Amino acid sequence: MDFLQFVRACGILINDYPPVGRWVRLPTEDHPKKRNGAVKWMGSFGFAQNHATQTDVSVWRDEAAEPAAQQEISRLAQAAQGQIAAGQKRAAEKAEWILSQCELAGHPYLKAKGFPDESANVWLTDDKTQLLCIPMRVGDKLVGVQLIDESGKKKFLTGQRTSDAAFVINNRGPAVLCEGYATALSIRAALTAIKSRYTLFVCFSAHNIGRLAKTLPTGLIVADNDASHTGERVAQETGWPYFMPPEVGMDFNDWHRATSLFKCSQALRSALLKT
């Protein structure tokens, strides 16, 4: 397997060899419009990490490299892991500080998604930008935050851990996994309408849904109907029951806003009967 094949196996979209000796951010299969992938090519070895699916950096080695070169590769891989761990620690500390600056308030993104009366963590930055802040935790440990601006643009903190991270809305019921925060709000509205309890996991990516499903006994997945079919494929791989909106390009929040709450709630009722 050459370096490009290795990178693609990590779910990172790459066509050509990157410049030698520096990290390059690239889009991934599940998020082709973002740059969730990072690669570094050193000629006889290289590194790759899909931040949505990998906690650690994967290392590629040229099988023809001399033993001395293999030792150097191992040393550099350990150094890269140390840098990543330090970056994750800084991101977690920054996330804690950001959340300490937040107030519960409405936000333009929530209004646009059909929840004008919803309050959430909102950070007013020095330049008066309102950022909706969604805490991300692995278990009880805060690892980062998703920031959503007034136009709906989303980003994570530089260096933060995203794999295995979730935001949980716990109503002491069965696990329901989805990708996005607005999707979770629509699911909550539908389940509340049928008086069904839930424990909602906002997983932030389809691949993370698959990872978190492995840590839970069972539940329901509400997948995005994306053109790449990633959401459906991951849902099927878990073996869990799943529901997906009927139209390509829709997530559950899109469907909620396009149809009635009654129709959404009845669809979830039927899906939950399979759990």
C-alpha atoms as a PDB file:
ATOM      1  CA  MET A   1       0.000   0.000   0.000  1.00  0.00           C
ATOM      2  CA  ASP A   2       1.508   3.347  -1.017  1.00  0.00           C
ATOM      3  CA  PHE A   3       1.025   6.556   0.971  1.00  0.00           C
ATOM      4  CA  LEU A   4      -1.939   7.822  -1.064  1.00  0.00           C
ATOM      5  CA  GLN A   5      -3.790   4.508  -0.689  1.00  0.00           C
ATOM      6  CA  PHE A   6      -3.039   4.581   3.047  1.00  0.00           C
ATOM      7  CA  VAL A   7      -4.501   8.079   3.398  1.00  0.00           C
ATOM      8  CA  ARG A   8      -7.618   7.152   1.432  1.00  0.00           C
ATOM      9  CA  ALA A   9      -8.106   4.098   3.669  1.00  0.00           C
ATOM     10  CA  CYS A  10      -8.413   6.569   6.564  1.00  0.00           C
ATOM     11  CA  GLY A  11     -11.370   8.181   4.788  1.00  0.00           C
ATOM     12  CA  ILE A  12      -9.378  11.247   3.705  1.00  0.00           C
ATOM     13  CA  LEU A  13      -9.847  12.627   0.180  1.00  0.00           C
ATOM     14  CA  ILE A  14      -6.473  13.055  -1.512  1.00  0.00           C
ATOM     15  CA  ASN A  15      -5.361  13.093  -5.158  1.00  0.00           C
ATOM     16  CA  ASP A  16      -1.677  14.071  -5.096  1.00  0.00           C
ATOM     17  CA  TYR A  17       1.265  13.833  -2.764  1.00  0.00           C
ATOM     18  CA  PRO A  18       1.386  16.811  -0.387  1.00  0.00           C
ATOM     19  CA  PRO A  19       4.538  18.910   0.133  1.00  0.00           C
ATOM     20  CA  VAL A  20       7.175  17.068   2.109  1.00  0.00           C
ATOM     21  CA  GLY A  21       7.595  17.879   5.777  1.00  0.00           C
ATOM     22  CA  ARG A  22       4.448  19.779   6.747  1.00  0.00           C
ATOM     23  CA  TRP A  23       0.931  18.975   7.883  1.00  0.00           C
ATOM     24  CA  VAL A  24      -1.807  19.552   5.292  1.00  0.00           C
ATOM     25  CA  ARG A  25      -5.542  19.667   6.078  1.00  0.00           C
ATOM     26  CA  LEU A  26      -7.848  17.852   3.632  1.00  0.00           C
ATOM     27  CA  PRO A  27     -11.558  17.008   3.299  1.00  0.00           C
ATOM     28  CA  THR A  28     -12.905  13.592   4.281  1.00  0.00           C
ATOM     29  CA  GLU A  29     -15.432  11.202   2.772  1.00  0.00           C
ATOM     30  CA  ASP A  30     -18.118  11.989   5.329  1.00  0.00           C
ATOM     31  CA  HIS A  31     -17.455  15.752   5.341  1.00  0.00           C
ATOM     32  CA  PRO A  32     -16.215  16.629   1.832  1.00  0.00           C
ATOM     33  CA  LYS A  33     -16.868  20.363   2.366  1.00  0.00           C
ATOM     34  CA  LYS A  34     -14.726  20.520   5.506  1.00  0.00           C
ATOM     35  CA  ARG A  35     -11.093  19.750   6.267  1.00  0.00           C
ATOM     36  CA  ASN A  36     -11.334  17.133   8.986  1.00  0.00           C
ATOM     37  CA  GLY A  37      -8.328  15.210   7.665  1.00  0.00           C
ATOM     38  CA  ALA A  38      -4.659  15.901   8.347  1.00  0.00           C
ATOM     39  CA  VAL A  39      -1.686  14.338   6.548  1.00  0.00           C
ATOM     40  CA  LYS A  40       2.088  14.728   6.620  1.00  0.00           C
ATOM     41  CA  TRP A  41       4.363  13.048   4.082  1.00  0.00           C
ATOM     42  CA  MET A  42       8.070  12.562   4.720  1.00  0.00           C
ATOM     43  CA  GLY A  43       9.020  10.471   1.702  1.00  0.00           C
ATOM     44  CA  SER A  44       9.788   7.086   3.277  1.00  0.00           C
ATOM     45  CA  PHE A  45       7.081   7.493   5.917  1.00  0.00           C
ATOM     46  CA  GLY A  46       4.024   9.610   6.613  1.00  0.00           C
ATOM     47  CA  PHE A  47       1.162  10.341   8.981  1.00  0.00           C
ATOM     48  CA  ALA A  48      -2.604  10.618   8.584  1.00  0.00           C
ATOM     49  CA  GLN A  49      -5.492  11.375  10.903  1.00  0.00           C
ATOM     50  CA  ASN A  50      -9.208  11.654  10.190  1.00  0.00           C
ATOM     51  CA  HIS A  51     -10.305  13.755  13.162  1.00  0.00           C
ATOM     52  CA  ALA A  52     -13.884  12.458  12.947  1.00  0.00           C
ATOM     53  CA  THR A  53     -12.884   8.806  13.250  1.00  0.00           C
ATOM     54  CA  GLN A  54      -9.387   8.558  14.736  1.00  0.00           C
ATOM     55  CA  THR A  55      -8.183   9.520  18.196  1.00  0.00           C
ATOM     56  CA  ASP A  56      -4.540   8.869  17.265  1.00  0.00           C
ATOM     57  CA  VAL A  57      -2.369   9.485  14.229  1.00  0.00           C
ATOM     58  CA  SER A  58      -1.912   6.540  11.859  1.00  0.00           C
ATOM     59  CA  VAL A  59       1.631   5.935  10.612  1.00  0.00           C
ATOM     60  CA  TRP A  60       2.588   4.757   7.125  1.00  0.00           C
ATOM     61  CA  ARG A  61       6.016   3.231   6.541  1.00  0.00           C
ATOM     62  CA  ASP A  62       7.764   2.401   3.308  1.00  0.00           C
ATOM     63  CA  GLU A  63       8.274  -1.352   3.627  1.00  0.00           C
ATOM     64  CA  ALA A  64      11.587  -1.038   1.780  1.00  0.00           C
ATOM     65  CA  ALA A  65      13.014   1.404   4.353  1.00  0.00           C
ATOM     66  CA  GLU A  66      16.193   0.376   6.212  1.00  0.00           C
ATOM     67  CA  PRO A  67      15.943  -0.688   9.897  1.00  0.00           C
ATOM     68  CA  ALA A  68      17.617   2.534  11.032  1.00  0.00           C
ATOM     69  CA  ALA A  69      15.014   4.527   9.139  1.00  0.00           C
ATOM     70  CA  GLN A  70      12.244   2.483  10.772  1.00  0.00           C
ATOM     71  CA  GLN A  71      13.568   3.453  14.205  1.00  0.00           C
ATOM     72  CA  GLU A  72      13.535   7.127  13.220  1.00  0.00           C
ATOM     73  CA  ILE A  73      10.003   6.764  11.939  1.00  0.00           C
ATOM     74  CA  SER A  74       8.899   5.315  15.286  1.00  0.00           C
ATOM     75  CA  ARG A  75      10.582   8.175  17.135  1.00  0.00           C
ATOM     76  CA  LEU A  76       8.861  10.788  14.991  1.00  0.00           C
ATOM     77  CA  ALA A  77       5.511   9.027  15.362  1.00  0.00           C
ATOM     78  CA  GLN A  78       5.823   9.187  19.144  1.00  0.00           C
ATOM     79  CA  ALA A  79       6.698  12.880  18.908  1.00  0.00           C
ATOM     80  CA  ALA A  80       3.625  13.490  16.727  1.00  0.00           C
ATOM     81  CA  GLN A  81       1.415  11.718  19.255  1.00  0.00           C
ATOM     82  CA  GLY A  82       2.838  13.919  21.992  1.00  0.00           C
ATOM     83  CA  GLN A  83       2.067  17.054  19.992  1.00  0.00           C
ATOM     84  CA  ILE A  84      -1.497  15.875  19.407  1.00  0.00           C
ATOM     85  CA  ALA A  85      -2.012  15.116  23.108  1.00  0.00           C
ATOM     86  CA  ALA A  86      -0.733  18.590  24.001  1.00  0.00           C
ATOM     87  CA  GLY A  87      -3.064  20.158  21.421  1.00  0.00           C
ATOM     88  CA  GLN A  88      -6.029  18.232  22.800  1.00  0.00           C
ATOM     89  CA  LYS A  89      -5.211  19.407  26.333  1.00  0.00           C
ATOM     90  CA  ARG A  90      -5.035  23.046  25.202  1.00  0.00           C
ATOM     91  CA  ALA A  91      -8.334  22.695  23.333  1.00  0.00           C
ATOM     92  CA  ALA A  92     -10.076  21.189  26.368  1.00  0.00           C
ATOM     93  CA  GLU A  93      -8.846  24.051  28.550  1.00  0.00           C
ATOM     94  CA  LYS A  94     -10.009  26.607  25.983  1.00  0.00           C
ATOM     95  CA  ALA A  95     -13.415  24.914  25.752  1.00  0.00           C
ATOM     96  CA  GLU A  96     -13.801  25.158  29.516  1.00  0.00           C
ATOM     97  CA  TRP A  97     -12.948  28.867  29.381  1.00  0.00           C
ATOM     98  CA  ILE A  98     -15.352  29.533  26.495  1.00  0.00           C
ATOM     99  CA  LEU A  99     -18.225  27.812  28.279  1.00  0.00           C
ATOM    100  CA  SER A 100     -17.512  29.914  31.380  1.00  0.00           C
ATOM    101  CA  GLN A 101     -18.128  33.016  29.222  1.00  0.00           C
ATOM    102  CA  CYS A 102     -21.467  31.771  27.860  1.00  0.00           C
ATOM    103  CA  GLU A 103     -24.971  32.802  28.806  1.00  0.00           C
ATOM    104  CA  LEU A 104     -28.188  30.904  28.154  1.00  0.00           C
ATOM    105  CA  ALA A 105     -29.847  32.784  25.316  1.00  0.00           C
ATOM    106  CA  GLY A 106     -31.540  32.470  21.954  1.00  0.00           C
ATOM    107  CA  HIS A 107     -29.489  32.409  18.762  1.00  0.00           C
ATOM    108  CA  PRO A 108     -30.135  33.133  15.050  1.00  0.00           C
ATOM    109  CA  TYR A 109     -29.125  29.572  14.114  1.00  0.00           C
ATOM    110  CA  LEU A 110     -31.742  28.127  16.450  1.00  0.00           C
ATOM    111  CA  LYS A 111     -34.381  30.441  15.010  1.00  0.00           C
ATOM    112  CA  ALA A 112     -33.437  29.426  11.469  1.00  0.00           C
ATOM    113  CA  LYS A 113     -33.746  25.764  12.451  1.00  0.00           C
ATOM    114  CA  GLY A 114     -37.274  26.245  13.781  1.00  0.00           C
ATOM    115  CA  PHE A 115     -36.567  26.846  17.471  1.00  0.00           C
ATOM    116  CA  PRO A 116     -36.947  30.606  18.071  1.00  0.00           C
ATOM    117  CA  ASP A 117     -37.700  30.109  21.779  1.00  0.00           C
ATOM    118  CA  GLU A 118     -34.824  27.707  22.481  1.00  0.00           C
ATOM    119  CA  SER A 119     -32.048  28.853  24.826  1.00  0.00           C
ATOM    120  CA  ALA A 120     -28.532  27.434  24.726  1.00  0.00           C
ATOM    121  CA  ASN A 121     -24.925  28.373  25.515  1.00  0.00           C
ATOM    122  CA  VAL A 122     -24.144  31.564  23.590  1.00  0.00           C
ATOM    123  CA  TRP A 123     -20.750  33.257  23.671  1.00  0.00           C
ATOM    124  CA  LEU A 124     -20.585  36.925  22.710  1.00  0.00           C
ATOM    125  CA  THR A 125     -17.033  37.415  21.423  1.00  0.00           C
ATOM    126  CA  ASP A 126     -14.992  40.609  21.571  1.00  0.00           C
ATOM    127  CA  ASP A 127     -16.108  41.510  18.038  1.00  0.00           C
ATOM    128  CA  LYS A 128     -19.772  41.042  19.081  1.00  0.00           C
ATOM    129  CA  THR A 129     -20.197  37.777  17.183  1.00  0.00           C
ATOM    130  CA  GLN A 130     -22.745  35.448  18.773  1.00  0.00           C
ATOM    131  CA  LEU A 131     -21.418  31.888  18.791  1.00  0.00           C
ATOM    132  CA  LEU A 132     -23.634  28.983  19.778  1.00  0.00           C
ATOM    133  CA  CYS A 133     -21.453  26.638  21.841  1.00  0.00           C
ATOM    134  CA  ILE A 134     -22.183  22.897  22.019  1.00  0.00           C
ATOM    135  CA  PRO A 135     -20.029  21.136  24.653  1.00  0.00           C
ATOM    136  CA  MET A 136     -18.354  17.915  23.524  1.00  0.00           C
ATOM    137  CA  ARG A 137     -17.524  15.245  26.083  1.00  0.00           C
ATOM    138  CA  VAL A 138     -16.016  11.778  26.124  1.00  0.00           C
ATOM    139  CA  GLY A 139     -17.854  10.287  29.079  1.00  0.00           C
ATOM    140  CA  ASP A 140     -17.840  13.032  31.685  1.00  0.00           C
ATOM    141  CA  LYS A 141     -14.629  14.639  30.382  1.00  0.00           C
ATOM    142  CA  LEU A 142     -14.934  17.892  28.415  1.00  0.00           C
ATOM    143  CA  VAL A 143     -12.735  17.616  25.316  1.00  0.00           C
ATOM    144  CA  GLY A 144     -13.915  20.522  23.162  1.00  0.00           C
ATOM    145  CA  VAL A 145     -16.794  22.531  21.812  1.00  0.00           C
ATOM    146  CA  GLN A 146     -18.585  22.971  18.509  1.00  0.00           C
ATOM    147  CA  LEU A 147     -18.982  26.637  17.611  1.00  0.00           C
ATOM    148  CA  ILE A 148     -21.859  27.715  15.335  1.00  0.00           C
ATOM    149  CA  ASP A 149     -22.047  31.291  14.090  1.00  0.00           C
ATOM    150  CA  GLU A 150     -25.137  33.303  13.131  1.00  0.00           C
ATOM    151  CA  SER A 151     -25.010  32.044   9.534  1.00  0.00           C
ATOM    152  CA  GLY A 152     -24.817  28.395  10.609  1.00  0.00           C
ATOM    153  CA  LYS A 153     -21.113  27.868   9.883  1.00  0.00           C
ATOM    154  CA  LYS A 154     -19.681  25.250  12.232  1.00  0.00           C
ATOM    155  CA  LYS A 155     -16.175  24.631  13.483  1.00  0.00           C
ATOM    156  CA  PHE A 156     -14.280  22.855  16.244  1.00  0.00           C
ATOM    157  CA  LEU A 157     -11.392  24.194  18.281  1.00  0.00           C
ATOM    158  CA  THR A 158      -7.941  23.713  16.788  1.00  0.00           C
ATOM    159  CA  GLY A 159      -6.415  20.471  17.996  1.00  0.00           C
ATOM    160  CA  GLN A 160      -9.445  19.238  19.915  1.00  0.00           C
ATOM    161  CA  ARG A 161     -10.491  15.625  20.102  1.00  0.00           C
ATOM    162  CA  THR A 162     -13.699  14.851  18.215  1.00  0.00           C
ATOM    163  CA  SER A 163     -13.725  11.043  17.974  1.00  0.00           C
ATOM    164  CA  ASP A 164     -15.908   9.400  20.631  1.00  0.00           C
ATOM    165  CA  ALA A 165     -17.160  12.849  21.740  1.00  0.00           C
ATOM    166  CA  ALA A 166     -20.858  13.623  22.148  1.00  0.00           C
ATOM    167  CA  PHE A 167     -23.329  16.091  23.606  1.00  0.00           C
ATOM    168  CA  VAL A 168     -26.010  14.250  25.564  1.00  0.00           C
ATOM    169  CA  ILE A 169     -29.598  15.311  26.288  1.00  0.00           C
ATOM    170  CA  ASN A 170     -30.701  12.829  28.929  1.00  0.00           C
ATOM    171  CA  ASN A 171     -34.386  12.165  29.573  1.00  0.00           C
ATOM    172  CA  ARG A 172     -33.720   8.726  31.063  1.00  0.00           C
ATOM    173  CA  GLY A 173     -34.841   6.723  28.082  1.00  0.00           C
ATOM    174  CA  PRO A 174     -33.462   4.608  25.237  1.00  0.00           C
ATOM    175  CA  ALA A 175     -30.384   5.812  23.370  1.00  0.00           C
ATOM    176  CA  VAL A 176     -31.066   7.788  20.187  1.00  0.00           C
ATOM    177  CA  LEU A 177     -27.999   8.752  18.144  1.00  0.00           C
ATOM    178  CA  CYS A 178     -27.803  11.493  15.499  1.00  0.00           C
ATOM    179  CA  GLU A 179     -25.209  13.778  13.932  1.00  0.00           C
ATOM    180  CA  GLY A 180     -26.211  17.394  14.570  1.00  0.00           C
ATOM    181  CA  TYR A 181     -27.544  19.575  17.370  1.00  0.00           C
ATOM    182  CA  ALA A 182     -30.518  20.932  15.392  1.00  0.00           C
ATOM    183  CA  THR A 183     -31.378  17.382  14.378  1.00  0.00           C
ATOM    184  CA  ALA A 184     -31.393  16.419  18.063  1.00  0.00           C
ATOM    185  CA  LEU A 185     -33.769  19.276  18.893  1.00  0.00           C
ATOM    186  CA  SER A 186     -36.202  18.066  16.239  1.00  0.00           C
ATOM    187  CA  ILE A 187     -35.951  14.493  17.513  1.00  0.00           C
ATOM    188  CA  ARG A 188     -36.588  15.758  21.051  1.00  0.00           C
ATOM    189  CA  ALA A 189     -39.696  17.624  19.865  1.00  0.00           C
ATOM    190  CA  ALA A 190     -41.014  14.525  18.072  1.00  0.00           C
ATOM    191  CA  LEU A 191     -40.385  12.195  21.023  1.00  0.00           C
ATOM    192  CA  THR A 192     -41.904  14.686  23.456  1.00  0.00           C
ATOM    193  CA  ALA A 193     -45.016  14.792  21.270  1.00  0.00           C
ATOM    194  CA  ILE A 194     -45.500  11.034  21.703  1.00  0.00           C
ATOM    195  CA  LYS A 195     -44.509  11.177  25.395  1.00  0.00           C
ATOM    196  CA  SER A 196     -41.504   8.932  24.829  1.00  0.00           C
ATOM    197  CA  ARG A 197     -38.389   9.121  26.995  1.00  0.00           C
ATOM    198  CA  TYR A 198     -34.947   9.281  25.372  1.00  0.00           C
ATOM    199  CA  THR A 199     -31.236   9.748  25.868  1.00  0.00           C
ATOM    200  CA  LEU A 200     -30.124  11.781  22.861  1.00  0.00           C
ATOM    201  CA  PHE A 201     -26.511  11.633  21.707  1.00  0.00           C
ATOM    202  CA  VAL A 202     -25.352  14.399  19.355  1.00  0.00           C
ATOM    203  CA  CYS A 203     -22.378  12.655  17.725  1.00  0.00           C
ATOM    204  CA  PHE A 204     -21.224  15.402  15.296  1.00  0.00           C
ATOM    205  CA  SER A 205     -20.416  12.966  12.451  1.00  0.00           C
ATOM    206  CA  ALA A 206     -21.703   9.742  10.949  1.00  0.00           C
ATOM    207  CA  HIS A 207     -18.502   7.863  11.754  1.00  0.00           C
ATOM    208  CA  ASN A 208     -18.759   8.951  15.373  1.00  0.00           C
ATOM    209  CA  ILE A 209     -22.270   7.486  15.485  1.00  0.00           C
ATOM    210  CA  GLY A 210     -20.715   4.141  14.610  1.00  0.00           C
ATOM    211  CA  ARG A 211     -18.045   4.499  17.292  1.00  0.00           C
ATOM    212  CA  LEU A 212     -20.476   5.490  20.042  1.00  0.00           C
ATOM    213  CA  ALA A 213     -22.959   2.761  19.099  1.00  0.00           C
ATOM    214  CA  LYS A 214     -20.286   0.201  19.968  1.00  0.00           C
ATOM    215  CA  THR A 215     -20.207   1.506  23.546  1.00  0.00           C
ATOM    216  CA  LEU A 216     -23.979   1.190  24.076  1.00  0.00           C
ATOM    217  CA  PRO A 217     -26.178  -1.913  24.334  1.00  0.00           C
ATOM    218  CA  THR A 218     -28.796  -0.854  21.768  1.00  0.00           C
ATOM    219  CA  GLY A 219     -30.930   2.050  20.618  1.00  0.00           C
ATOM    220  CA  LEU A 220     -32.090   3.940  17.540  1.00  0.00           C
ATOM    221  CA  ILE A 221     -30.052   5.835  14.964  1.00  0.00           C
ATOM    222  CA  VAL A 222     -31.585   8.797  13.152  1.00  0.00           C
ATOM    223  CA  ALA A 223     -29.341   9.088  10.104  1.00  0.00           C
ATOM    224  CA  ASP A 224     -28.878  11.952   7.669  1.00  0.00           C
ATOM    225  CA  ASN A 225     -29.973  11.131   4.120  1.00  0.00           C
ATOM    226  CA  ASP A 226     -26.784  12.447   2.538  1.00  0.00           C
ATOM    227  CA  ALA A 227     -25.899  12.001  -1.132  1.00  0.00           C
ATOM    228  CA  SER A 228     -22.793   9.983  -0.204  1.00  0.00           C
ATOM    229  CA  HIS A 229     -24.987   7.454   1.683  1.00  0.00           C
ATOM    230  CA  THR A 230     -22.494   7.640   4.567  1.00  0.00           C
ATOM    231  CA  GLY A 231     -25.177   8.064   7.229  1.00  0.00           C
ATOM    232  CA  GLU A 232     -27.197   5.087   6.051  1.00  0.00           C
ATOM    233  CA  ARG A 233     -24.118   2.904   5.580  1.00  0.00           C
ATOM    234  CA  VAL A 234     -22.848   3.613   9.091  1.00  0.00           C
ATOM    235  CA  ALA A 235     -26.312   2.994  10.548  1.00  0.00           C
ATOM    236  CA  GLN A 236     -26.537  -0.351   8.770  1.00  0.00           C
ATOM    237  CA  GLU A 237     -23.053  -1.348   9.948  1.00  0.00           C
ATOM    238  CA  THR A 238     -24.073  -0.897  13.595  1.00  0.00           C
ATOM    239  CA  GLY A 239     -26.885  -3.422  13.239  1.00  0.00           C
ATOM    240  CA  TRP A 240     -29.198  -1.049  15.121  1.00  0.00           C
ATOM    241  CA  PRO A 241     -32.665  -0.031  13.912  1.00  0.00           C
ATOM    242  CA  TYR A 242     -32.497   3.297  12.137  1.00  0.00           C
ATOM    243  CA  PHE A 243     -34.693   5.955  10.591  1.00  0.00           C
ATOM    244  CA  MET A 244     -33.721   8.255   7.738  1.00  0.00           C
ATOM    245  CA  PRO A 245     -35.701  11.134   6.168  1.00  0.00           C
ATOM    246  CA  PRO A 246     -37.182  10.204   2.787  1.00  0.00           C
ATOM    247  CA  GLU A 247     -35.429  12.805   0.617  1.00  0.00           C
ATOM    248  CA  VAL A 248     -31.740  12.893  -0.300  1.00  0.00           C
ATOM    249  CA  GLY A 249     -30.003  15.883   1.243  1.00  0.00           C
ATOM    250  CA  MET A 250     -32.285  16.007   4.277  1.00  0.00           C
ATOM    251  CA  ASP A 251     -31.499  15.490   7.939  1.00  0.00           C
ATOM    252  CA  PHE A 252     -34.281  15.047  10.483  1.00  0.00           C
ATOM    253  CA  ASN A 253     -34.414  18.783  11.211  1.00  0.00           C
ATOM    254  CA  ASP A 254     -34.854  19.540   7.489  1.00  0.00           C
ATOM    255  CA  TRP A 255     -37.690  17.022   7.350  1.00  0.00           C
ATOM    256  CA  HIS A 256     -39.266  18.390  10.540  1.00  0.00           C
ATOM    257  CA  ARG A 257     -39.373  21.882   9.025  1.00  0.00           C
ATOM    258  CA  ALA A 258     -40.670  20.588   5.681  1.00  0.00           C
ATOM    259  CA  THR A 259     -43.477  18.417   7.064  1.00  0.00           C
ATOM    260  CA  SER A 260     -45.599  18.154  10.220  1.00  0.00           C
ATOM    261  CA  LEU A 261     -44.462  17.326  13.746  1.00  0.00           C
ATOM    262  CA  PHE A 262     -47.170  14.663  13.804  1.00  0.00           C
ATOM    263  CA  LYS A 263     -45.692  12.870  10.789  1.00  0.00           C
ATOM    264  CA  CYS A 264     -42.182  13.063  12.285  1.00  0.00           C
ATOM    265  CA  SER A 265     -43.316  11.773  15.668  1.00  0.00           C
ATOM    266  CA  GLN A 266     -45.231   8.846  14.176  1.00  0.00           C
ATOM    267  CA  ALA A 267     -42.214   7.868  12.073  1.00  0.00           C
ATOM    268  CA  LEU A 268     -40.041   7.761  15.185  1.00  0.00           C
ATOM    269  CA  ARG A 269     -42.718   5.841  17.089  1.00  0.00           C
ATOM    270  CA  SER A 270     -42.600   3.129  14.423  1.00  0.00           C
ATOM    271  CA  ALA A 271     -38.796   3.093  14.426  1.00  0.00           C
ATOM    272  CA  LEU A 272     -38.615   2.795  18.219  1.00  0.00           C
ATOM    273  CA  LEU A 273     -40.844  -0.277  18.146  1.00  0.00           C
ATOM    274  CA  LYS A 274     -37.960  -2.075  16.399  1.00  0.00           C
ATOM    275  CA  THR A 275     -35.483  -1.412  19.231  1.00  0.00           C
END
